[in-house]
N, C-alpha and C. Protein backbone atom coordinates (compact mmCIF):
# COMPACT_ATOMS: atom_id res chain seq x y z
N MET A 1 40.67 73.57 54.69
CA MET A 1 39.99 72.88 53.61
C MET A 1 40.35 71.40 53.62
N GLY A 2 40.97 70.95 54.67
CA GLY A 2 41.29 69.53 54.78
C GLY A 2 42.51 69.10 53.98
N LYS A 3 43.39 70.02 53.68
CA LYS A 3 44.57 69.71 52.86
C LYS A 3 45.86 69.87 53.65
N GLU A 4 45.82 69.58 54.94
CA GLU A 4 46.99 69.75 55.79
C GLU A 4 48.16 68.89 55.32
N ASP A 5 47.86 67.67 54.85
CA ASP A 5 48.93 66.78 54.36
C ASP A 5 49.64 67.41 53.16
N LEU A 6 48.88 68.04 52.28
CA LEU A 6 49.48 68.71 51.13
C LEU A 6 50.38 69.85 51.59
N MET A 7 49.92 70.61 52.55
CA MET A 7 50.74 71.72 53.07
C MET A 7 52.03 71.21 53.68
N ASP A 8 51.94 70.14 54.44
CA ASP A 8 53.15 69.55 55.04
C ASP A 8 54.12 69.10 53.95
N TYR A 9 53.59 68.49 52.90
CA TYR A 9 54.44 68.01 51.82
C TYR A 9 55.08 69.17 51.05
N ILE A 10 54.31 70.23 50.83
CA ILE A 10 54.86 71.43 50.18
C ILE A 10 56.03 71.98 51.00
N ARG A 11 55.83 72.09 52.31
CA ARG A 11 56.91 72.58 53.19
C ARG A 11 58.15 71.69 53.09
N GLU A 12 57.93 70.38 53.10
CA GLU A 12 59.04 69.44 53.02
C GLU A 12 59.79 69.58 51.70
N CYS A 13 59.05 69.65 50.60
CA CYS A 13 59.68 69.81 49.29
C CYS A 13 60.44 71.12 49.21
N PHE A 14 59.86 72.18 49.74
CA PHE A 14 60.52 73.48 49.72
C PHE A 14 61.82 73.43 50.52
N ALA A 15 61.76 72.83 51.70
CA ALA A 15 62.94 72.75 52.56
C ALA A 15 64.08 71.97 51.91
N HIS A 16 63.73 71.01 51.06
CA HIS A 16 64.75 70.17 50.42
C HIS A 16 64.93 70.51 48.93
N SER A 17 64.36 71.62 48.50
CA SER A 17 64.47 72.07 47.10
C SER A 17 64.09 70.98 46.09
N ARG A 18 62.96 70.31 46.40
CA ARG A 18 62.45 69.26 45.50
C ARG A 18 61.14 69.74 44.88
N PRO A 19 60.87 69.35 43.63
CA PRO A 19 59.59 69.71 43.00
C PRO A 19 58.46 68.87 43.59
N LEU A 20 57.24 69.40 43.49
CA LEU A 20 56.07 68.69 43.99
C LEU A 20 55.64 67.53 43.10
N GLY A 21 55.81 67.68 41.84
CA GLY A 21 55.22 66.74 40.89
C GLY A 21 53.97 67.39 40.31
N ASP A 22 53.64 67.01 39.10
CA ASP A 22 52.57 67.68 38.36
C ASP A 22 51.21 67.64 39.05
N THR A 23 50.80 66.48 39.51
CA THR A 23 49.47 66.35 40.11
C THR A 23 49.34 67.18 41.38
N LEU A 24 50.30 67.07 42.27
CA LEU A 24 50.24 67.85 43.50
C LEU A 24 50.37 69.34 43.23
N HIS A 25 51.18 69.70 42.25
CA HIS A 25 51.31 71.11 41.89
C HIS A 25 49.98 71.66 41.38
N ARG A 26 49.30 70.89 40.54
CA ARG A 26 47.98 71.33 40.05
C ARG A 26 47.00 71.50 41.21
N ASN A 27 47.01 70.54 42.14
CA ASN A 27 46.12 70.65 43.30
C ASN A 27 46.42 71.90 44.13
N ALA A 28 47.70 72.14 44.36
CA ALA A 28 48.10 73.31 45.14
C ALA A 28 47.72 74.60 44.42
N MET A 29 47.90 74.64 43.10
CA MET A 29 47.55 75.84 42.34
C MET A 29 46.06 76.08 42.32
N GLU A 30 45.26 75.02 42.28
CA GLU A 30 43.81 75.18 42.33
C GLU A 30 43.39 75.78 43.68
N LEU A 31 43.98 75.30 44.75
CA LEU A 31 43.69 75.87 46.07
C LEU A 31 44.12 77.33 46.14
N PHE A 32 45.27 77.65 45.55
CA PHE A 32 45.74 79.03 45.53
C PHE A 32 44.79 79.92 44.73
N ARG A 33 44.30 79.43 43.59
CA ARG A 33 43.33 80.20 42.79
C ARG A 33 42.06 80.47 43.59
N GLN A 34 41.58 79.46 44.30
CA GLN A 34 40.39 79.65 45.13
C GLN A 34 40.64 80.71 46.19
N TYR A 35 41.82 80.66 46.81
CA TYR A 35 42.18 81.64 47.83
C TYR A 35 42.19 83.04 47.22
N MET A 36 42.75 83.19 46.03
CA MET A 36 42.81 84.49 45.38
C MET A 36 41.41 85.00 45.04
N ILE A 37 40.53 84.12 44.59
CA ILE A 37 39.16 84.52 44.28
C ILE A 37 38.43 84.94 45.54
N VAL A 38 38.63 84.20 46.61
CA VAL A 38 37.99 84.52 47.88
C VAL A 38 38.50 85.85 48.42
N GLY A 39 39.76 86.18 48.17
CA GLY A 39 40.26 87.50 48.49
C GLY A 39 41.12 87.58 49.73
N GLY A 40 41.24 86.53 50.49
CA GLY A 40 42.14 86.53 51.63
C GLY A 40 41.61 87.20 52.89
N MET A 41 40.42 87.79 52.83
CA MET A 41 39.85 88.40 54.04
C MET A 41 39.44 87.27 54.98
N PRO A 42 39.81 87.37 56.26
CA PRO A 42 39.52 86.25 57.18
C PRO A 42 38.06 85.81 57.19
N GLN A 43 37.12 86.74 57.22
CA GLN A 43 35.71 86.35 57.24
C GLN A 43 35.31 85.66 55.94
N ALA A 44 35.84 86.15 54.82
CA ALA A 44 35.52 85.56 53.52
C ALA A 44 36.11 84.16 53.41
N VAL A 45 37.34 83.99 53.87
CA VAL A 45 37.98 82.67 53.83
C VAL A 45 37.19 81.69 54.69
N LYS A 46 36.82 82.10 55.88
CA LYS A 46 36.04 81.23 56.78
C LYS A 46 34.72 80.83 56.13
N SER A 47 34.05 81.80 55.52
CA SER A 47 32.78 81.51 54.86
C SER A 47 32.98 80.50 53.73
N TYR A 48 34.03 80.69 52.92
CA TYR A 48 34.26 79.77 51.80
C TYR A 48 34.62 78.37 52.30
N VAL A 49 35.45 78.28 53.32
CA VAL A 49 35.83 76.98 53.86
C VAL A 49 34.59 76.23 54.36
N ASN A 50 33.68 76.96 55.01
CA ASN A 50 32.49 76.32 55.57
C ASN A 50 31.43 76.00 54.53
N GLU A 51 31.26 76.87 53.52
CA GLU A 51 30.12 76.72 52.61
C GLU A 51 30.49 76.46 51.16
N ARG A 52 31.72 76.74 50.75
CA ARG A 52 32.18 76.53 49.37
C ARG A 52 31.25 77.22 48.37
N ASP A 53 30.83 78.45 48.69
CA ASP A 53 29.89 79.20 47.85
C ASP A 53 30.50 80.56 47.49
N PHE A 54 30.98 80.68 46.24
CA PHE A 54 31.62 81.92 45.82
C PHE A 54 30.65 83.10 45.83
N ASP A 55 29.37 82.87 45.53
CA ASP A 55 28.40 83.96 45.54
C ASP A 55 28.24 84.55 46.94
N LYS A 56 28.15 83.69 47.95
CA LYS A 56 28.04 84.18 49.33
C LYS A 56 29.31 84.92 49.74
N VAL A 57 30.45 84.40 49.32
CA VAL A 57 31.72 85.06 49.64
C VAL A 57 31.78 86.43 48.99
N ASP A 58 31.35 86.53 47.74
CA ASP A 58 31.35 87.82 47.05
C ASP A 58 30.46 88.82 47.76
N HIS A 59 29.28 88.39 48.17
CA HIS A 59 28.36 89.27 48.91
C HIS A 59 29.01 89.72 50.23
N LEU A 60 29.63 88.80 50.93
CA LEU A 60 30.30 89.12 52.19
C LEU A 60 31.42 90.12 51.97
N LYS A 61 32.26 89.91 50.94
CA LYS A 61 33.36 90.83 50.66
C LYS A 61 32.83 92.23 50.34
N ARG A 62 31.75 92.30 49.56
CA ARG A 62 31.18 93.61 49.23
C ARG A 62 30.68 94.32 50.49
N ASN A 63 30.07 93.56 51.39
CA ASN A 63 29.61 94.16 52.65
C ASN A 63 30.79 94.64 53.50
N ILE A 64 31.85 93.87 53.54
CA ILE A 64 33.02 94.27 54.31
C ILE A 64 33.60 95.57 53.73
N MET A 65 33.71 95.63 52.41
CA MET A 65 34.28 96.82 51.78
C MET A 65 33.36 98.03 51.93
N THR A 66 32.04 97.81 51.93
CA THR A 66 31.10 98.92 52.05
C THR A 66 30.92 99.38 53.49
N TYR A 67 30.74 98.44 54.39
CA TYR A 67 30.38 98.77 55.77
C TYR A 67 31.51 98.55 56.78
N GLY A 68 32.58 97.86 56.35
CA GLY A 68 33.71 97.64 57.24
C GLY A 68 33.58 96.42 58.13
N ASN A 69 32.46 95.73 58.06
CA ASN A 69 32.29 94.49 58.84
C ASN A 69 31.22 93.64 58.18
N PRO A 70 31.19 92.36 58.49
CA PRO A 70 30.19 91.48 57.88
C PRO A 70 28.80 91.82 58.39
N PRO A 71 27.76 91.50 57.59
CA PRO A 71 26.37 91.81 57.99
C PRO A 71 25.94 91.03 59.22
């Protein structure tokens, strides 16, 4: 999702037991919420990263759960 710098900073803060700060923490939590909504399935994550469309992701997840693979 183009947030590699944020991930690097999170790793650095974690390694040194430092807090992120409110703004970066909010950004990280928003990304985490999106990930949780998408469901973590590789095809669903890829679809969301490419299209940013929760409806398409939901349809894809339902197809995966029903048929075992994307349409």
